[in-house]
Amino acid sequence: MSAEQAAGRAALEEAQNAAKTAGFQSESSRIAHGKPEQVIVEIAGEQNVDLSVIRAREGSEGHPHIGPASVGHTARFVLDHAPCDVLLLREL
């Protein structure tokens, strides 16, 4: 297993644990290759997802904490193209 695959599996497990702790159920998971924004939208459509949850870009130098530029490319694409509701999370 490559380092990239191991990191992907660890991130997926962390997300599943966080969802479970928050009281949500994950029915399936998989690691997919491609542009993240396109893969997220594609899988949401294939799986008849009710809700996608995505995190906004963290405020870093040159990027405001609020406003359109704070969202980031991947989140913006998912917000605009997902076939389901999208919950956008932001850091406090």
PDB file of N, CA and C in Angstrom:
ATOM      1  N   MET A   1       0.859  -1.176   0.000  1.00  0.00           N
ATOM      2  CA  MET A   1       0.000   0.000   0.000  1.00  0.00           C
ATOM      3  C   MET A   1       0.903   1.237   0.000  1.00  0.00           C
ATOM      4  N   SER A   2       0.603   2.165  -0.875  1.00  0.00           N
ATOM      5  CA  SER A   2       1.407   3.381  -0.962  1.00  0.00           C
ATOM      6  C   SER A   2       1.088   4.323   0.198  1.00  0.00           C
ATOM      7  N   ALA A   3       1.981   5.272   0.417  1.00  0.00           N
ATOM      8  CA  ALA A   3       1.761   6.270   1.467  1.00  0.00           C
ATOM      9  C   ALA A   3       0.494   7.073   1.191  1.00  0.00           C
ATOM     10  N   GLU A   4       0.241   7.361  -0.089  1.00  0.00           N
ATOM     11  CA  GLU A   4      -0.960   8.112  -0.459  1.00  0.00           C
ATOM     12  C   GLU A   4      -2.220   7.314  -0.123  1.00  0.00           C
ATOM     13  N   GLN A   5      -2.217   6.022  -0.419  1.00  0.00           N
ATOM     14  CA  GLN A   5      -3.377   5.181  -0.099  1.00  0.00           C
ATOM     15  C   GLN A   5      -3.570   5.074   1.412  1.00  0.00           C
ATOM     16  N   ALA A   6      -2.478   4.927   2.144  1.00  0.00           N
ATOM     17  CA  ALA A   6      -2.561   4.834   3.603  1.00  0.00           C
ATOM     18  C   ALA A   6      -3.126   6.122   4.195  1.00  0.00           C
ATOM     19  N   ALA A   7      -2.674   7.256   3.687  1.00  0.00           N
ATOM     20  CA  ALA A   7      -3.190   8.542   4.168  1.00  0.00           C
ATOM     21  C   ALA A   7      -4.671   8.686   3.842  1.00  0.00           C
ATOM     22  N   GLY A   8      -5.075   8.249   2.661  1.00  0.00           N
ATOM     23  CA  GLY A   8      -6.483   8.302   2.273  1.00  0.00           C
ATOM     24  C   GLY A   8      -7.346   7.444   3.177  1.00  0.00           C
ATOM     25  N   ARG A   9      -6.878   6.236   3.456  1.00  0.00           N
ATOM     26  CA  ARG A   9      -7.630   5.340   4.351  1.00  0.00           C
ATOM     27  C   ARG A   9      -7.722   5.923   5.767  1.00  0.00           C
ATOM     28  N   ALA A  10      -6.632   6.516   6.246  1.00  0.00           N
ATOM     29  CA  ALA A  10      -6.644   7.124   7.579  1.00  0.00           C
ATOM     30  C   ALA A  10      -7.615   8.304   7.634  1.00  0.00           C
ATOM     31  N   ALA A  11      -7.626   9.127   6.589  1.00  0.00           N
ATOM     32  CA  ALA A  11      -8.547  10.274   6.542  1.00  0.00           C
ATOM     33  C   ALA A  11      -9.995   9.797   6.495  1.00  0.00           C
ATOM     34  N   LEU A  12     -10.248   8.741   5.722  1.00  0.00           N
ATOM     35  CA  LEU A  12     -11.599   8.199   5.622  1.00  0.00           C
ATOM     36  C   LEU A  12     -12.061   7.644   6.963  1.00  0.00           C
ATOM     37  N   GLU A  13     -11.191   6.915   7.639  1.00  0.00           N
ATOM     38  CA  GLU A  13     -11.532   6.366   8.946  1.00  0.00           C
ATOM     39  C   GLU A  13     -11.802   7.473   9.960  1.00  0.00           C
ATOM     40  N   GLU A  14     -10.996   8.524   9.921  1.00  0.00           N
ATOM     41  CA  GLU A  14     -11.189   9.658  10.830  1.00  0.00           C
ATOM     42  C   GLU A  14     -12.543  10.328  10.579  1.00  0.00           C
ATOM     43  N   ALA A  15     -12.899  10.501   9.317  1.00  0.00           N
ATOM     44  CA  ALA A  15     -14.183  11.125   8.972  1.00  0.00           C
ATOM     45  C   ALA A  15     -15.345  10.241   9.416  1.00  0.00           C
ATOM     46  N   GLN A  16     -15.225   8.936   9.217  1.00  0.00           N
ATOM     47  CA  GLN A  16     -16.289   8.019   9.638  1.00  0.00           C
ATOM     48  C   GLN A  16     -16.463   8.032  11.154  1.00  0.00           C
ATOM     49  N   ASN A  17     -15.359   8.065  11.881  1.00  0.00           N
ATOM     50  CA  ASN A  17     -15.437   8.116  13.341  1.00  0.00           C
ATOM     51  C   ASN A  17     -16.074   9.414  13.821  1.00  0.00           C
ATOM     52  N   ALA A  18     -15.723  10.532  13.183  1.00  0.00           N
ATOM     53  CA  ALA A  18     -16.312  11.822  13.557  1.00  0.00           C
ATOM     54  C   ALA A  18     -17.816  11.823  13.288  1.00  0.00           C
ATOM     55  N   ALA A  19     -18.219  11.255  12.154  1.00  0.00           N
ATOM     56  CA  ALA A  19     -19.649  11.185  11.819  1.00  0.00           C
ATOM     57  C   ALA A  19     -20.388  10.314  12.828  1.00  0.00           C
ATOM     58  N   LYS A  20     -19.795   9.188  13.175  1.00  0.00           N
ATOM     59  CA  LYS A  20     -20.425   8.286  14.136  1.00  0.00           C
ATOM     60  C   LYS A  20     -20.567   8.956  15.499  1.00  0.00           C
ATOM     61  N   THR A  21     -19.527   9.660  15.924  1.00  0.00           N
ATOM     62  CA  THR A  21     -19.557  10.375  17.200  1.00  0.00           C
ATOM     63  C   THR A  21     -20.657  11.431  17.209  1.00  0.00           C
ATOM     64  N   ALA A  22     -20.894  12.047  16.046  1.00  0.00           N
ATOM     65  CA  ALA A  22     -21.924  13.083  15.929  1.00  0.00           C
ATOM     66  C   ALA A  22     -23.319  12.485  15.753  1.00  0.00           C
ATOM     67  N   GLY A  23     -23.416  11.150  15.692  1.00  0.00           N
ATOM     68  CA  GLY A  23     -24.721  10.501  15.593  1.00  0.00           C
ATOM     69  C   GLY A  23     -25.177  10.196  14.182  1.00  0.00           C
ATOM     70  N   PHE A  24     -24.263  10.260  13.219  1.00  0.00           N
ATOM     71  CA  PHE A  24     -24.611   9.963  11.831  1.00  0.00           C
ATOM     72  C   PHE A  24     -24.154   8.564  11.460  1.00  0.00           C
ATOM     73  N   GLN A  25     -24.843   7.977  10.506  1.00  0.00           N
ATOM     74  CA  GLN A  25     -24.516   6.639  10.048  1.00  0.00           C
ATOM     75  C   GLN A  25     -23.934   6.696   8.648  1.00  0.00           C
ATOM     76  N   SER A  26     -22.829   6.018   8.444  1.00  0.00           N
ATOM     77  CA  SER A  26     -22.215   5.918   7.128  1.00  0.00           C
ATOM     78  C   SER A  26     -22.563   4.554   6.561  1.00  0.00           C
ATOM     79  N   GLU A  27     -23.248   4.533   5.423  1.00  0.00           N
ATOM     80  CA  GLU A  27     -23.680   3.267   4.844  1.00  0.00           C
ATOM     81  C   GLU A  27     -22.630   2.651   3.944  1.00  0.00           C
ATOM     82  N   SER A  28     -21.783   3.463   3.365  1.00  0.00           N
ATOM     83  CA  SER A  28     -20.737   2.920   2.504  1.00  0.00           C
ATOM     84  C   SER A  28     -19.599   3.922   2.426  1.00  0.00           C
ATOM     85  N   SER A  29     -18.458   3.431   2.046  1.00  0.00           N
ATOM     86  CA  SER A  29     -17.314   4.305   1.853  1.00  0.00           C
ATOM     87  C   SER A  29     -16.395   3.664   0.825  1.00  0.00           C
ATOM     88  N   ARG A  30     -15.615   4.509   0.175  1.00  0.00           N
ATOM     89  CA  ARG A  30     -14.630   4.008  -0.774  1.00  0.00           C
ATOM     90  C   ARG A  30     -13.626   5.106  -1.069  1.00  0.00           C
ATOM     91  N   ILE A  31     -12.487   4.688  -1.531  1.00  0.00           N
ATOM     92  CA  ILE A  31     -11.472   5.628  -1.963  1.00  0.00           C
ATOM     93  C   ILE A  31     -11.519   5.652  -3.483  1.00  0.00           C
ATOM     94  N   ALA A  32     -11.611   6.845  -4.046  1.00  0.00           N
ATOM     95  CA  ALA A  32     -11.712   6.998  -5.498  1.00  0.00           C
ATOM     96  C   ALA A  32     -10.613   7.934  -5.984  1.00  0.00           C
ATOM     97  N   HIS A  33     -10.251   7.786  -7.221  1.00  0.00           N
ATOM     98  CA  HIS A  33      -9.213   8.617  -7.820  1.00  0.00           C
ATOM     99  C   HIS A  33      -9.844   9.593  -8.808  1.00  0.00           C
ATOM    100  N   GLY A  34      -9.283  10.783  -8.878  1.00  0.00           N
ATOM    101  CA  GLY A  34      -9.773  11.802  -9.800  1.00  0.00           C
ATOM    102  C   GLY A  34      -9.769  13.157  -9.123  1.00  0.00           C
ATOM    103  N   LYS A  35     -10.341  14.117  -9.804  1.00  0.00           N
ATOM    104  CA  LYS A  35     -10.462  15.452  -9.224  1.00  0.00           C
ATOM    105  C   LYS A  35     -11.485  15.375  -8.097  1.00  0.00           C
ATOM    106  N   PRO A  36     -11.102  15.771  -6.883  1.00  0.00           N
ATOM    107  CA  PRO A  36     -11.986  15.589  -5.728  1.00  0.00           C
ATOM    108  C   PRO A  36     -13.393  16.143  -5.940  1.00  0.00           C
ATOM    109  N   GLU A  37     -13.476  17.346  -6.474  1.00  0.00           N
ATOM    110  CA  GLU A  37     -14.800  17.955  -6.646  1.00  0.00           C
ATOM    111  C   GLU A  37     -15.689  17.143  -7.578  1.00  0.00           C
ATOM    112  N   GLN A  38     -15.125  16.600  -8.636  1.00  0.00           N
ATOM    113  CA  GLN A  38     -15.902  15.812  -9.589  1.00  0.00           C
ATOM    114  C   GLN A  38     -16.255  14.437  -9.018  1.00  0.00           C
ATOM    115  N   VAL A  39     -15.328  13.839  -8.298  1.00  0.00           N
ATOM    116  CA  VAL A  39     -15.577  12.534  -7.695  1.00  0.00           C
ATOM    117  C   VAL A  39     -16.677  12.639  -6.637  1.00  0.00           C
ATOM    118  N   ILE A  40     -16.644  13.671  -5.816  1.00  0.00           N
ATOM    119  CA  ILE A  40     -17.667  13.850  -4.777  1.00  0.00           C
ATOM    120  C   ILE A  40     -19.055  13.965  -5.397  1.00  0.00           C
ATOM    121  N   VAL A  41     -19.179  14.791  -6.429  1.00  0.00           N
ATOM    122  CA  VAL A  41     -20.473  14.986  -7.092  1.00  0.00           C
ATOM    123  C   VAL A  41     -20.925  13.699  -7.781  1.00  0.00           C
ATOM    124  N   GLU A  42     -19.999  13.015  -8.437  1.00  0.00           N
ATOM    125  CA  GLU A  42     -20.328  11.771  -9.148  1.00  0.00           C
ATOM    126  C   GLU A  42     -20.823  10.696  -8.181  1.00  0.00           C
ATOM    127  N   ILE A  43     -20.112  10.502  -7.089  1.00  0.00           N
ATOM    128  CA  ILE A  43     -20.507   9.481  -6.115  1.00  0.00           C
ATOM    129  C   ILE A  43     -21.838   9.846  -5.453  1.00  0.00           C
ATOM    130  N   ALA A  44     -22.042  11.118  -5.155  1.00  0.00           N
ATOM    131  CA  ALA A  44     -23.319  11.552  -4.565  1.00  0.00           C
ATOM    132  C   ALA A  44     -24.478  11.182  -5.481  1.00  0.00           C
ATOM    133  N   GLY A  45     -24.286  11.351  -6.786  1.00  0.00           N
ATOM    134  CA  GLY A  45     -25.331  10.981  -7.739  1.00  0.00           C
ATOM    135  C   GLY A  45     -25.520   9.476  -7.839  1.00  0.00           C
ATOM    136  N   GLU A  46     -24.421   8.732  -7.907  1.00  0.00           N
ATOM    137  CA  GLU A  46     -24.490   7.271  -8.021  1.00  0.00           C
ATOM    138  C   GLU A  46     -25.146   6.640  -6.803  1.00  0.00           C
ATOM    139  N   GLN A  47     -24.860   7.171  -5.633  1.00  0.00           N
ATOM    140  CA  GLN A  47     -25.328   6.581  -4.377  1.00  0.00           C
ATOM    141  C   GLN A  47     -26.659   7.165  -3.890  1.00  0.00           C
ATOM    142  N   ASN A  48     -27.246   8.071  -4.667  1.00  0.00           N
ATOM    143  CA  ASN A  48     -28.491   8.724  -4.239  1.00  0.00           C
ATOM    144  C   ASN A  48     -28.344   9.332  -2.852  1.00  0.00           C
ATOM    145  N   VAL A  49     -27.260  10.044  -2.646  1.00  0.00           N
ATOM    146  CA  VAL A  49     -26.945  10.649  -1.359  1.00  0.00           C
ATOM    147  C   VAL A  49     -27.974  11.726  -1.024  1.00  0.00           C
ATOM    148  N   ASP A  50     -28.382  11.795   0.235  1.00  0.00           N
ATOM    149  CA  ASP A  50     -29.315  12.820   0.693  1.00  0.00           C
ATOM    150  C   ASP A  50     -28.590  14.108   1.080  1.00  0.00           C
ATOM    151  N   LEU A  51     -27.377  13.965   1.623  1.00  0.00           N
ATOM    152  CA  LEU A  51     -26.641  15.120   2.129  1.00  0.00           C
ATOM    153  C   LEU A  51     -25.143  14.900   1.977  1.00  0.00           C
ATOM    154  N   SER A  52     -24.472  15.868   1.393  1.00  0.00           N
ATOM    155  CA  SER A  52     -23.006  15.875   1.350  1.00  0.00           C
ATOM    156  C   SER A  52     -22.534  16.935   2.326  1.00  0.00           C
ATOM    157  N   VAL A  53     -21.475  16.625   3.054  1.00  0.00           N
ATOM    158  CA  VAL A  53     -20.911  17.566   4.012  1.00  0.00           C
ATOM    159  C   VAL A  53     -19.486  17.869   3.566  1.00  0.00           C
ATOM    160  N   ILE A  54     -19.179  19.147   3.463  1.00  0.00           N
ATOM    161  CA  ILE A  54     -17.848  19.552   3.016  1.00  0.00           C
ATOM    162  C   ILE A  54     -17.399  20.738   3.851  1.00  0.00           C
ATOM    163  N   ARG A  55     -16.111  20.837   4.049  1.00  0.00           N
ATOM    164  CA  ARG A  55     -15.569  21.904   4.884  1.00  0.00           C
ATOM    165  C   ARG A  55     -15.021  23.016   4.011  1.00  0.00           C
ATOM    166  N   ALA A  56     -15.270  24.240   4.422  1.00  0.00           N
ATOM    167  CA  ALA A  56     -14.750  25.409   3.725  1.00  0.00           C
ATOM    168  C   ALA A  56     -13.254  25.511   3.951  1.00  0.00           C
ATOM    169  N   ARG A  57     -12.612  26.221   3.067  1.00  0.00           N
ATOM    170  CA  ARG A  57     -11.172  26.475   3.195  1.00  0.00           C
ATOM    171  C   ARG A  57     -10.909  27.169   4.519  1.00  0.00           C
ATOM    172  N   GLU A  58      -9.812  26.792   5.155  1.00  0.00           N
ATOM    173  CA  GLU A  58      -9.421  27.481   6.380  1.00  0.00           C
ATOM    174  C   GLU A  58      -8.907  28.856   6.006  1.00  0.00           C
ATOM    175  N   GLY A  59      -9.198  29.835   6.819  1.00  0.00           N
ATOM    176  CA  GLY A  59      -8.695  31.174   6.560  1.00  0.00           C
ATOM    177  C   GLY A  59      -7.178  31.192   6.666  1.00  0.00           C
ATOM    178  N   SER A  60      -6.531  31.428   5.577  1.00  0.00           N
ATOM    179  CA  SER A  60      -5.073  31.545   5.591  1.00  0.00           C
ATOM    180  C   SER A  60      -4.727  32.884   4.967  1.00  0.00           C
ATOM    181  N   GLU A  61      -3.487  33.230   5.007  1.00  0.00           N
ATOM    182  CA  GLU A  61      -3.087  34.528   4.472  1.00  0.00           C
ATOM    183  C   GLU A  61      -3.537  34.659   3.025  1.00  0.00           C
ATOM    184  N   GLY A  62      -4.219  35.742   2.736  1.00  0.00           N
ATOM    185  CA  GLY A  62      -4.705  35.976   1.385  1.00  0.00           C
ATOM    186  C   GLY A  62      -6.101  35.439   1.133  1.00  0.00           C
ATOM    187  N   HIS A  63      -6.632  34.660   2.080  1.00  0.00           N
ATOM    188  CA  HIS A  63      -7.980  34.117   1.929  1.00  0.00           C
ATOM    189  C   HIS A  63      -8.816  34.535   3.123  1.00  0.00           C
ATOM    190  N   PRO A  64      -9.899  35.245   2.897  1.00  0.00           N
ATOM    191  CA  PRO A  64     -10.730  35.702   4.004  1.00  0.00           C
ATOM    192  C   PRO A  64     -11.475  34.549   4.673  1.00  0.00           C
ATOM    193  N   HIS A  65     -11.898  34.765   5.913  1.00  0.00           N
ATOM    194  CA  HIS A  65     -12.681  33.767   6.639  1.00  0.00           C
ATOM    195  C   HIS A  65     -14.138  33.758   6.206  1.00  0.00           C
ATOM    196  N   ILE A  66     -14.596  34.813   5.563  1.00  0.00           N
ATOM    197  CA  ILE A  66     -15.984  34.881   5.110  1.00  0.00           C
ATOM    198  C   ILE A  66     -16.020  35.332   3.662  1.00  0.00           C
ATOM    199  N   GLY A  67     -17.146  35.100   3.018  1.00  0.00           N
ATOM    200  CA  GLY A  67     -17.320  35.529   1.639  1.00  0.00           C
ATOM    201  C   GLY A  67     -16.993  34.423   0.644  1.00  0.00           C
ATOM    202  N   PRO A  68     -17.274  34.648  -0.637  1.00  0.00           N
ATOM    203  CA  PRO A  68     -17.093  33.622  -1.676  1.00  0.00           C
ATOM    204  C   PRO A  68     -15.679  33.062  -1.758  1.00  0.00           C
ATOM    205  N   ALA A  69     -14.663  33.887  -1.557  1.00  0.00           N
ATOM    206  CA  ALA A  69     -13.286  33.408  -1.670  1.00  0.00           C
ATOM    207  C   ALA A  69     -12.900  32.476  -0.523  1.00  0.00           C
ATOM    208  N   SER A  70     -13.695  32.438   0.532  1.00  0.00           N
ATOM    209  CA  SER A  70     -13.375  31.595   1.685  1.00  0.00           C
ATOM    210  C   SER A  70     -13.759  30.140   1.462  1.00  0.00           C
ATOM    211  N   VAL A  71     -14.546  29.879   0.455  1.00  0.00           N
ATOM    212  CA  VAL A  71     -15.080  28.536   0.268  1.00  0.00           C
ATOM    213  C   VAL A  71     -14.055  27.581  -0.336  1.00  0.00           C
ATOM    214  N   GLY A  72     -13.309  28.002  -1.324  1.00  0.00           N
ATOM    215  CA  GLY A  72     -12.351  27.127  -1.982  1.00  0.00           C
ATOM    216  C   GLY A  72     -12.957  26.465  -3.204  1.00  0.00           C
ATOM    217  N   HIS A  73     -12.099  26.045  -4.117  1.00  0.00           N
ATOM    218  CA  HIS A  73     -12.551  25.514  -5.401  1.00  0.00           C
ATOM    219  C   HIS A  73     -13.393  24.243  -5.260  1.00  0.00           C
ATOM    220  N   THR A  74     -12.898  23.288  -4.493  1.00  0.00           N
ATOM    221  CA  THR A  74     -13.609  22.010  -4.374  1.00  0.00           C
ATOM    222  C   THR A  74     -14.982  22.210  -3.749  1.00  0.00           C
ATOM    223  N   ALA A  75     -15.041  22.924  -2.634  1.00  0.00           N
ATOM    224  CA  ALA A  75     -16.330  23.161  -1.972  1.00  0.00           C
ATOM    225  C   ALA A  75     -17.272  23.934  -2.875  1.00  0.00           C
ATOM    226  N   ARG A  76     -16.764  24.937  -3.587  1.00  0.00           N
ATOM    227  CA  ARG A  76     -17.610  25.729  -4.478  1.00  0.00           C
ATOM    228  C   ARG A  76     -18.214  24.843  -5.562  1.00  0.00           C
ATOM    229  N   PHE A  77     -17.415  23.961  -6.159  1.00  0.00           N
ATOM    230  CA  PHE A  77     -17.905  23.058  -7.203  1.00  0.00           C
ATOM    231  C   PHE A  77     -18.995  22.143  -6.648  1.00  0.00           C
ATOM    232  N   VAL A  78     -18.743  21.575  -5.464  1.00  0.00           N
ATOM    233  CA  VAL A  78     -19.738  20.685  -4.859  1.00  0.00           C
ATOM    234  C   VAL A  78     -21.014  21.455  -4.551  1.00  0.00           C
ATOM    235  N   LEU A  79     -20.893  22.642  -3.996  1.00  0.00           N
ATOM    236  CA  LEU A  79     -22.076  23.465  -3.709  1.00  0.00           C
ATOM    237  C   LEU A  79     -22.881  23.739  -4.976  1.00  0.00           C
ATOM    238  N   ASP A  80     -22.194  23.972  -6.079  1.00  0.00           N
ATOM    239  CA  ASP A  80     -22.862  24.330  -7.329  1.00  0.00           C
ATOM    240  C   ASP A  80     -23.402  23.138  -8.114  1.00  0.00           C
ATOM    241  N   HIS A  81     -22.814  21.944  -7.933  1.00  0.00           N
ATOM    242  CA  HIS A  81     -23.151  20.828  -8.821  1.00  0.00           C
ATOM    243  C   HIS A  81     -23.691  19.578  -8.146  1.00  0.00           C
ATOM    244  N   ALA A  82     -23.656  19.497  -6.848  1.00  0.00           N
ATOM    245  CA  ALA A  82     -24.112  18.283  -6.169  1.00  0.00           C
ATOM    246  C   ALA A  82     -25.597  18.041  -6.413  1.00  0.00           C
ATOM    247  N   PRO A  83     -25.972  16.777  -6.613  1.00  0.00           N
ATOM    248  CA  PRO A  83     -27.378  16.440  -6.844  1.00  0.00           C
ATOM    249  C   PRO A  83     -28.160  16.284  -5.537  1.00  0.00           C
ATOM    250  N   CYS A  84     -27.624  16.838  -4.464  1.00  0.00           N
ATOM    251  CA  CYS A  84     -28.242  16.698  -3.140  1.00  0.00           C
ATOM    252  C   CYS A  84     -27.970  17.969  -2.339  1.00  0.00           C
ATOM    253  N   ASP A  85     -28.523  18.018  -1.157  1.00  0.00           N
ATOM    254  CA  ASP A  85     -28.218  19.132  -0.262  1.00  0.00           C
ATOM    255  C   ASP A  85     -26.756  19.038   0.160  1.00  0.00           C
ATOM    256  N   VAL A  86     -26.154  20.198   0.430  1.00  0.00           N
ATOM    257  CA  VAL A  86     -24.760  20.249   0.857  1.00  0.00           C
ATOM    258  C   VAL A  86     -24.690  21.085   2.126  1.00  0.00           C
ATOM    259  N   LEU A  87     -24.049  20.519   3.147  1.00  0.00           N
ATOM    260  CA  LEU A  87     -23.808  21.237   4.388  1.00  0.00           C
ATOM    261  C   LEU A  87     -22.369  21.711   4.361  1.00  0.00           C
ATOM    262  N   LEU A  88     -22.166  23.016   4.416  1.00  0.00           N
ATOM    263  CA  LEU A  88     -20.836  23.607   4.391  1.00  0.00           C
ATOM    264  C   LEU A  88     -20.414  23.916   5.813  1.00  0.00           C
ATOM    265  N   LEU A  89     -19.333  23.292   6.249  1.00  0.00           N
ATOM    266  CA  LEU A  89     -18.816  23.506   7.603  1.00  0.00           C
ATOM    267  C   LEU A  89     -17.666  24.497   7.551  1.00  0.00           C
ATOM    268  N   ARG A  90     -17.574  25.306   8.585  1.00  0.00           N
ATOM    269  CA  ARG A  90     -16.484  26.278   8.712  1.00  0.00           C
ATOM    270  C   ARG A  90     -15.833  26.104  10.069  1.00  0.00           C
ATOM    271  N   GLU A  91     -14.548  26.434  10.132  1.00  0.00           N
ATOM    272  CA  GLU A  91     -13.830  26.442  11.414  1.00  0.00           C
ATOM    273  C   GLU A  91     -14.412  27.555  12.272  1.00  0.00           C
ATOM    274  N   LEU A  92     -14.405  27.363  13.565  1.00  0.00           N
ATOM    275  CA  LEU A  92     -14.844  28.423  14.478  1.00  0.00           C
ATOM    276  C   LEU A  92     -13.688  29.303  14.840  1.00  0.00           C
TER     277      LEU A  92
END
